[in-house]
Protein backbone atom coordinates (compact mmCIF):
# COMPACT_ATOMS: atom_id res chain seq x y z
CA MET A 1 -150.55 -21.62 11.51
CA SER A 2 -151.71 -18.03 10.95
CA GLU A 3 -148.67 -17.07 8.81
CA VAL A 4 -149.57 -19.60 6.12
CA ALA A 5 -153.29 -20.14 6.69
CA ARG A 6 -155.69 -19.14 3.95
CA ARG A 7 -158.83 -20.08 5.89
CA ILE A 8 -159.65 -20.17 9.61
CA THR A 9 -162.75 -21.07 11.60
CA ALA A 10 -163.69 -19.77 15.04
CA SER A 11 -166.76 -20.32 17.17
CA ALA A 12 -168.28 -18.49 20.13
CA PRO A 13 -171.00 -19.34 22.64
CA GLY A 14 -174.24 -17.49 23.17
CA GLY A 15 -175.07 -16.03 26.51
CA ILE A 16 -177.42 -14.35 28.92
CA GLY A 17 -177.17 -10.58 28.89
CA ASN A 18 -178.06 -8.41 31.88
CA ILE A 19 -178.50 -11.55 34.06
CA GLY A 20 -181.62 -9.99 35.54
CA PRO A 21 -181.08 -6.58 37.17
CA ALA A 22 -177.61 -5.74 35.79
CA LEU A 23 -178.71 -4.15 32.50
CA ASP A 24 -175.73 -4.02 30.10
CA VAL A 25 -173.37 -4.70 33.03
CA LEU A 26 -173.36 -8.45 33.76
CA GLY A 27 -173.33 -11.26 31.23
CA CYS A 28 -172.56 -14.95 31.20
CA ALA A 29 -171.63 -17.35 28.44
CA VAL A 30 -173.89 -20.39 28.12
CA ALA A 31 -172.56 -23.83 27.26
CA GLY A 32 -173.98 -25.69 24.29
CA ALA A 33 -175.07 -23.93 21.11
CA ARG A 34 -172.43 -21.81 19.36
CA ASP A 35 -172.13 -19.70 16.23
CA GLU A 36 -169.28 -20.60 13.89
CA ILE A 37 -167.57 -18.29 11.40
CA THR A 38 -165.06 -19.25 8.73
CA VAL A 39 -162.99 -16.56 7.01
CA ALA A 40 -160.68 -16.82 4.01
CA TRP A 41 -158.59 -14.39 1.99
CA ARG A 42 -160.04 -12.99 -1.22
CA ASP A 43 -158.34 -10.93 -3.93
CA GLU A 44 -160.73 -7.97 -3.78
CA PRO A 45 -160.77 -5.63 -0.77
CA GLY A 46 -163.64 -5.62 1.70
CA VAL A 47 -165.68 -8.40 3.28
CA GLU A 48 -167.97 -10.65 1.25
CA VAL A 49 -170.61 -12.81 2.96
CA ALA A 50 -170.77 -16.11 1.06
CA ASP A 51 -173.14 -17.75 3.57
CA ALA A 52 -175.11 -15.61 6.01
CA GLY A 53 -175.96 -18.62 8.15
CA HIS A 54 -179.74 -18.33 7.88
CA PRO A 55 -182.18 -17.33 5.11
CA ASP A 56 -183.43 -14.43 7.22
CA LEU A 57 -179.96 -12.96 7.77
CA PRO A 58 -178.59 -10.43 5.26
CA ARG A 59 -175.70 -11.20 2.95
CA ASP A 60 -175.01 -7.47 2.90
CA ALA A 61 -171.72 -7.16 4.80
CA ALA A 62 -172.82 -3.77 6.13
CA ARG A 63 -175.71 -5.44 8.02
CA HIS A 64 -174.24 -8.78 9.14
CA THR A 65 -172.59 -8.62 12.57
CA ALA A 66 -169.86 -11.15 11.81
CA ALA A 67 -168.87 -9.26 8.66
CA LEU A 68 -169.00 -5.92 10.47
CA ALA A 69 -166.75 -7.27 13.24
CA ALA A 70 -164.34 -8.80 10.72
CA ALA A 71 -164.12 -5.49 8.87
CA ALA A 72 -163.49 -3.66 12.15
CA VAL A 73 -160.61 -6.04 12.95
CA LEU A 74 -159.10 -5.42 9.51
CA ARG A 75 -159.29 -1.65 10.07
CA ARG A 76 -157.76 -1.79 13.55
CA ALA A 77 -154.98 -4.06 12.32
CA GLY A 78 -154.29 -1.79 9.35
CA ALA A 79 -154.79 -4.74 7.00
CA LYS A 80 -155.62 -4.24 3.32
CA HIS A 81 -156.77 -7.79 2.73
CA GLY A 82 -160.20 -8.78 1.53
CA LEU A 83 -162.16 -11.57 3.19
CA THR A 84 -164.85 -14.06 2.32
CA LEU A 85 -166.98 -15.16 5.27
CA TRP A 86 -169.19 -18.19 5.91
CA CYS A 87 -171.51 -18.35 8.93
CA ARG A 88 -173.05 -21.38 10.63
CA LYS A 89 -175.75 -20.38 13.12
CA GLY A 90 -176.23 -22.57 16.15
CA LEU A 91 -178.10 -19.90 18.11
CA PRO A 92 -181.65 -18.69 17.49
CA LEU A 93 -182.32 -15.44 15.66
CA SER A 94 -183.68 -12.59 17.81
CA GLY A 95 -183.94 -15.09 20.65
CA GLY A 96 -182.34 -13.25 23.55
CA GLN A 97 -179.45 -15.73 23.68
CA GLY A 98 -176.66 -13.49 22.40
CA GLY A 99 -176.71 -14.79 18.84
CA SER A 100 -175.61 -11.59 17.10
CA ALA A 101 -172.85 -11.07 19.69
CA ALA A 102 -171.62 -14.65 19.20
CA SER A 103 -171.46 -14.14 15.43
CA ALA A 104 -169.56 -10.87 15.88
CA VAL A 105 -167.10 -12.45 18.31
CA ALA A 106 -166.49 -15.51 16.12
CA GLY A 107 -166.00 -13.27 13.08
CA ALA A 108 -163.55 -11.03 14.92
CA VAL A 109 -161.57 -13.91 16.45
CA ALA A 110 -161.33 -15.80 13.14
CA THR A 111 -160.16 -12.68 11.30
CA ASN A 112 -157.63 -11.82 13.99
CA ALA A 113 -156.25 -15.38 13.87
CA LEU A 114 -155.98 -15.23 10.07
CA LEU A 115 -153.94 -12.03 10.45
CA GLY A 116 -151.61 -13.62 13.01
CA ASN A 117 -153.42 -12.29 16.13
CA PRO A 118 -152.25 -8.66 16.05
CA LEU A 119 -155.14 -7.46 18.24
CA GLY A 120 -155.47 -7.95 21.97
CA THR A 121 -158.63 -8.50 23.99
CA ASP A 122 -159.70 -4.86 24.30
CA ALA A 123 -159.28 -4.23 20.56
CA LEU A 124 -161.32 -7.35 19.79
CA LEU A 125 -164.04 -6.18 22.20
CA ALA A 126 -164.04 -2.75 20.54
CA SER A 127 -164.32 -4.31 17.09
CA CYS A 128 -167.29 -6.41 18.15
CA LEU A 129 -168.84 -3.40 19.87
CA ASP A 130 -168.64 -1.51 16.56
CA ALA A 131 -170.55 -4.35 14.91
CA GLU A 132 -173.21 -4.72 17.61
CA SER A 133 -173.76 -0.96 17.78
CA ALA A 134 -174.85 -1.03 14.15
CA VAL A 135 -177.55 -3.67 14.66
CA ALA A 136 -178.46 -4.11 18.34
CA GLY A 137 -177.28 -1.16 20.42
CA ARG A 138 -174.05 -0.25 22.18
CA HIS A 139 -173.51 -2.76 24.98
CA LEU A 140 -170.76 -5.23 25.84
CA ASP A 141 -172.29 -7.71 28.27
CA ASN A 142 -173.04 -10.44 25.71
CA ILE A 143 -169.94 -9.68 23.65
CA ALA A 144 -167.52 -9.90 26.57
CA ALA A 145 -169.08 -13.11 27.88
CA SER A 146 -168.98 -14.71 24.43
CA LEU A 147 -165.33 -13.77 23.88
CA LEU A 148 -163.96 -14.51 27.35
CA GLY A 149 -166.36 -17.16 28.66
CA GLY A 150 -167.62 -17.33 32.22
CA ILE A 151 -169.45 -14.49 33.98
CA VAL A 152 -168.29 -10.96 33.20
CA LEU A 153 -168.84 -7.49 34.60
CA VAL A 154 -168.62 -4.50 32.25
CA ARG A 155 -167.51 -1.51 34.31
CA THR A 156 -167.06 0.99 31.48
CA LEU A 157 -167.23 1.20 27.70
CA GLU A 158 -164.91 4.20 27.34
CA PRO A 159 -162.31 3.05 28.10
CA ILE A 160 -163.32 -0.60 27.92
CA GLU A 161 -162.94 -2.30 31.28
CA VAL A 162 -164.27 -5.82 31.72
CA ILE A 163 -163.79 -8.00 34.80
CA ARG A 164 -164.19 -11.78 34.78
CA LEU A 165 -166.00 -12.97 37.88
CA ALA A 166 -165.88 -16.30 39.65
CA VAL A 167 -168.53 -18.82 38.59
CA PRO A 168 -170.41 -20.33 41.55
CA THR A 169 -169.85 -24.05 41.80
CA GLY A 170 -173.10 -25.91 41.22
CA LEU A 171 -174.77 -23.14 39.21
CA ILE A 172 -177.19 -24.69 36.71
CA LEU A 173 -179.10 -22.67 34.12
CA VAL A 174 -182.41 -23.55 32.52
CA LEU A 175 -183.09 -21.79 29.23
CA ALA A 176 -186.59 -21.60 27.75
CA HIS A 177 -186.96 -20.32 24.19
CA PRO A 178 -190.58 -19.74 23.16
CA ALA A 179 -191.45 -19.67 19.47
CA GLN A 180 -191.17 -15.91 19.17
CA ARG A 181 -188.66 -13.45 17.81
CA LEU A 182 -188.01 -10.10 19.43
CA MET A 183 -185.52 -7.66 17.96
CA THR A 184 -183.12 -6.25 20.54
CA LEU A 185 -183.73 -2.70 19.32
CA ASP A 186 -187.49 -3.14 19.78
CA SER A 187 -186.98 -4.53 23.27
CA ARG A 188 -184.67 -1.66 24.20
CA ARG A 189 -187.27 0.89 23.06
CA ALA A 190 -189.57 -0.45 25.77
CA LEU A 191 -187.16 0.56 28.53
CA PRO A 192 -188.35 3.47 30.68
CA GLU A 193 -186.68 6.87 30.41
CA GLN A 194 -187.10 7.46 34.16
CA VAL A 195 -187.24 5.09 37.12
CA ARG A 196 -188.15 5.40 40.78
CA ARG A 197 -185.34 5.92 43.25
CA ALA A 198 -186.50 2.90 45.27
CA ASP A 199 -186.22 0.70 42.17
CA VAL A 200 -182.71 1.97 41.42
CA ILE A 201 -181.62 1.25 44.99
CA GLN A 202 -183.09 -2.26 44.85
CA GLN A 203 -181.48 -2.82 41.46
CA ILE A 204 -178.05 -1.84 42.77
CA GLY A 205 -178.51 -4.11 45.77
CA ASN A 206 -179.48 -7.06 43.61
CA ALA A 207 -176.63 -6.60 41.12
CA SER A 208 -174.16 -6.25 43.99
CA ALA A 209 -175.54 -9.39 45.63
CA MET A 210 -174.98 -11.32 42.40
CA VAL A 211 -171.30 -10.35 42.38
CA ALA A 212 -171.03 -11.33 46.05
CA ALA A 213 -172.70 -14.66 45.29
CA CYS A 214 -170.15 -15.37 42.57
CA TYR A 215 -167.32 -15.18 45.09
CA THR A 216 -169.08 -16.88 47.98
CA GLY A 217 -170.43 -19.65 45.73
CA ASP A 218 -173.96 -19.02 46.97
CA VAL A 219 -176.20 -20.18 44.11
CA ALA A 220 -179.37 -19.51 46.12
CA LEU A 221 -178.34 -15.88 46.68
CA PHE A 222 -177.42 -15.56 43.02
CA GLY A 223 -180.89 -16.77 42.07
CA ARG A 224 -182.72 -14.54 44.55
CA ALA A 225 -180.77 -11.54 43.30
CA ILE A 226 -181.88 -11.84 39.66
CA ASP A 227 -184.84 -9.68 40.59
CA ASP A 228 -185.14 -7.05 37.87
CA ARG A 229 -187.28 -4.07 38.88
CA ILE A 230 -186.62 -1.94 35.78
CA ALA A 231 -186.27 -3.77 32.44
CA GLU A 232 -188.36 -6.86 33.17
CA PRO A 233 -191.61 -5.02 34.04
CA ALA A 234 -191.24 -2.91 30.90
CA ARG A 235 -190.51 -5.86 28.62
CA ALA A 236 -192.90 -8.46 30.05
CA PRO A 237 -195.90 -7.14 28.01
CA LEU A 238 -193.87 -7.93 24.84
CA LEU A 239 -193.39 -11.55 25.96
CA PRO A 240 -196.53 -13.72 25.95
CA GLY A 241 -196.34 -16.48 28.53
CA PHE A 242 -193.26 -15.16 30.33
CA LEU A 243 -194.91 -14.26 33.64
CA ALA A 244 -196.70 -17.62 33.74
CA ALA A 245 -193.45 -19.43 32.95
CA LYS A 246 -191.70 -17.48 35.70
CA ARG A 247 -194.32 -18.48 38.26
CA ALA A 248 -194.20 -22.10 37.12
CA ALA A 249 -190.41 -22.21 37.37
CA ARG A 250 -190.45 -20.76 40.87
CA ASP A 251 -193.12 -23.25 41.91
CA ALA A 252 -190.94 -26.06 40.53
CA GLY A 253 -188.00 -25.01 42.69
CA ALA A 254 -186.02 -22.38 40.76
CA TYR A 255 -184.16 -19.86 42.93
CA GLY A 256 -184.84 -17.09 40.45
CA VAL A 257 -186.15 -16.44 36.93
CA SER A 258 -185.77 -13.54 34.52
CA ILE A 259 -185.65 -12.57 30.86
CA SER A 260 -182.53 -13.66 28.99
CA GLY A 261 -181.01 -10.58 27.42
CA ALA A 262 -183.66 -8.64 25.55
CA GLY A 263 -185.95 -11.69 25.28
CA PRO A 264 -187.94 -13.63 24.29
CA SER A 265 -185.93 -16.41 25.97
CA ALA A 266 -186.16 -16.73 29.73
CA PHE A 267 -183.75 -18.36 32.15
CA ALA A 268 -183.91 -19.88 35.61
CA VAL A 269 -181.23 -20.48 38.23
CA VAL A 270 -181.09 -23.81 40.05
CA ALA A 271 -178.48 -25.96 41.77
CA ASP A 272 -179.86 -29.48 41.37
CA ASP A 273 -180.15 -31.48 38.15
CA LYS A 274 -183.46 -33.11 39.06
CA ILE A 275 -185.00 -29.76 39.95
CA ALA A 276 -183.54 -28.26 36.77
CA HIS A 277 -185.41 -30.75 34.58
CA ALA A 278 -188.62 -30.17 36.54
CA VAL A 279 -188.19 -26.43 36.03
CA ALA A 280 -187.60 -26.91 32.30
CA THR A 281 -190.80 -28.95 32.00
CA ALA A 282 -192.78 -26.41 34.00
CA MET A 283 -191.58 -23.49 31.87
CA ARG A 284 -192.27 -25.33 28.62
CA ASP A 285 -195.77 -26.29 29.75
CA ALA A 286 -196.53 -22.69 30.76
CA TYR A 287 -195.51 -21.33 27.37
CA VAL A 288 -197.49 -24.04 25.57
CA ALA A 289 -200.54 -23.16 27.67
CA ALA A 290 -200.06 -19.56 26.48
CA GLY A 291 -200.15 -20.75 22.87
CA LEU A 292 -196.39 -20.83 22.16
CA GLU A 293 -194.24 -23.83 21.39
CA CYS A 294 -191.13 -23.76 23.54
CA ALA A 295 -187.68 -25.36 23.44
CA THR A 296 -185.86 -25.79 26.75
CA ARG A 297 -182.39 -26.91 27.75
CA VAL A 298 -180.57 -27.48 31.00
CA THR A 299 -177.04 -26.17 30.81
CA ARG A 300 -174.20 -24.46 32.64
CA VAL A 301 -171.89 -21.50 32.23
CA ASP A 302 -169.49 -21.86 29.31
CA ARG A 303 -165.96 -21.22 30.61
CA GLU A 304 -164.11 -21.40 27.25
CA GLY A 305 -165.50 -18.45 25.36
CA ALA A 306 -164.41 -18.07 21.74
CA ILE A 307 -162.10 -20.70 20.30
CA VAL A 308 -160.20 -21.11 17.03
CA HIS A 309 -160.71 -24.49 15.38
CA GLU A 310 -157.87 -26.36 13.71
CA LYS A 311 -159.29 -27.24 10.31
């Protein structure tokens, strides 16, 4: 297909970055909403954004993550082609659900497929990392989860080393998206420069317990371990209603609750569908009581990651 194709579409799921205490280290892809990117050859060099995907997203290719990732793939592949790009956003803007990462991944995968797939996984990750670094900071947790699917652990960025973890059977995720936007860069500026030794030790213990829970299939342990002692306390003041929603979710039966990525979305871990819907209602009601409309969904880990669509 790629040798004769003039146009290819790829899509990628959003995700939960950090998954609580594992800042920039653990991420998981979330089933449901996806960003979709279509790329086609053009006669002129460079990348042109024909449809940014949302009125608030730039058509400037130097500021759109999908275009930046596509351009990075072209450079790494040594290609001289020009591209036109169309974006269809299924994920919220500045919502803490990995939307910019999903766009970058879909743009990179579509471009690579159009070229005949010359780049492997690490080169695709590096291309997306180039794009994300320009708009949201240098981290791979959302990117790797969106590309590969499942739950991922980012051990290093230089060189890139990403490990796919087992997904606990029965793990259910509840996502709550309040009517707020929070730029990732703004959320990252709130992070403390120094932290207490006791908090670091607890953070390491919690992140390690999450990995253990993946392989033992212990959803309750996974939920208890999403106890973030560093980023969450610093970011909570930027997120009206979050602490109330967290309490409400725990009261409704969630094993654990934390901020999704950089926020403003929050997520809860449960293992029972009935409890999951009760948790979703409780979180939505808490945000509404705080003056924010809120969309919730009950979902699971996306195991597919990025896919190329036959169109």
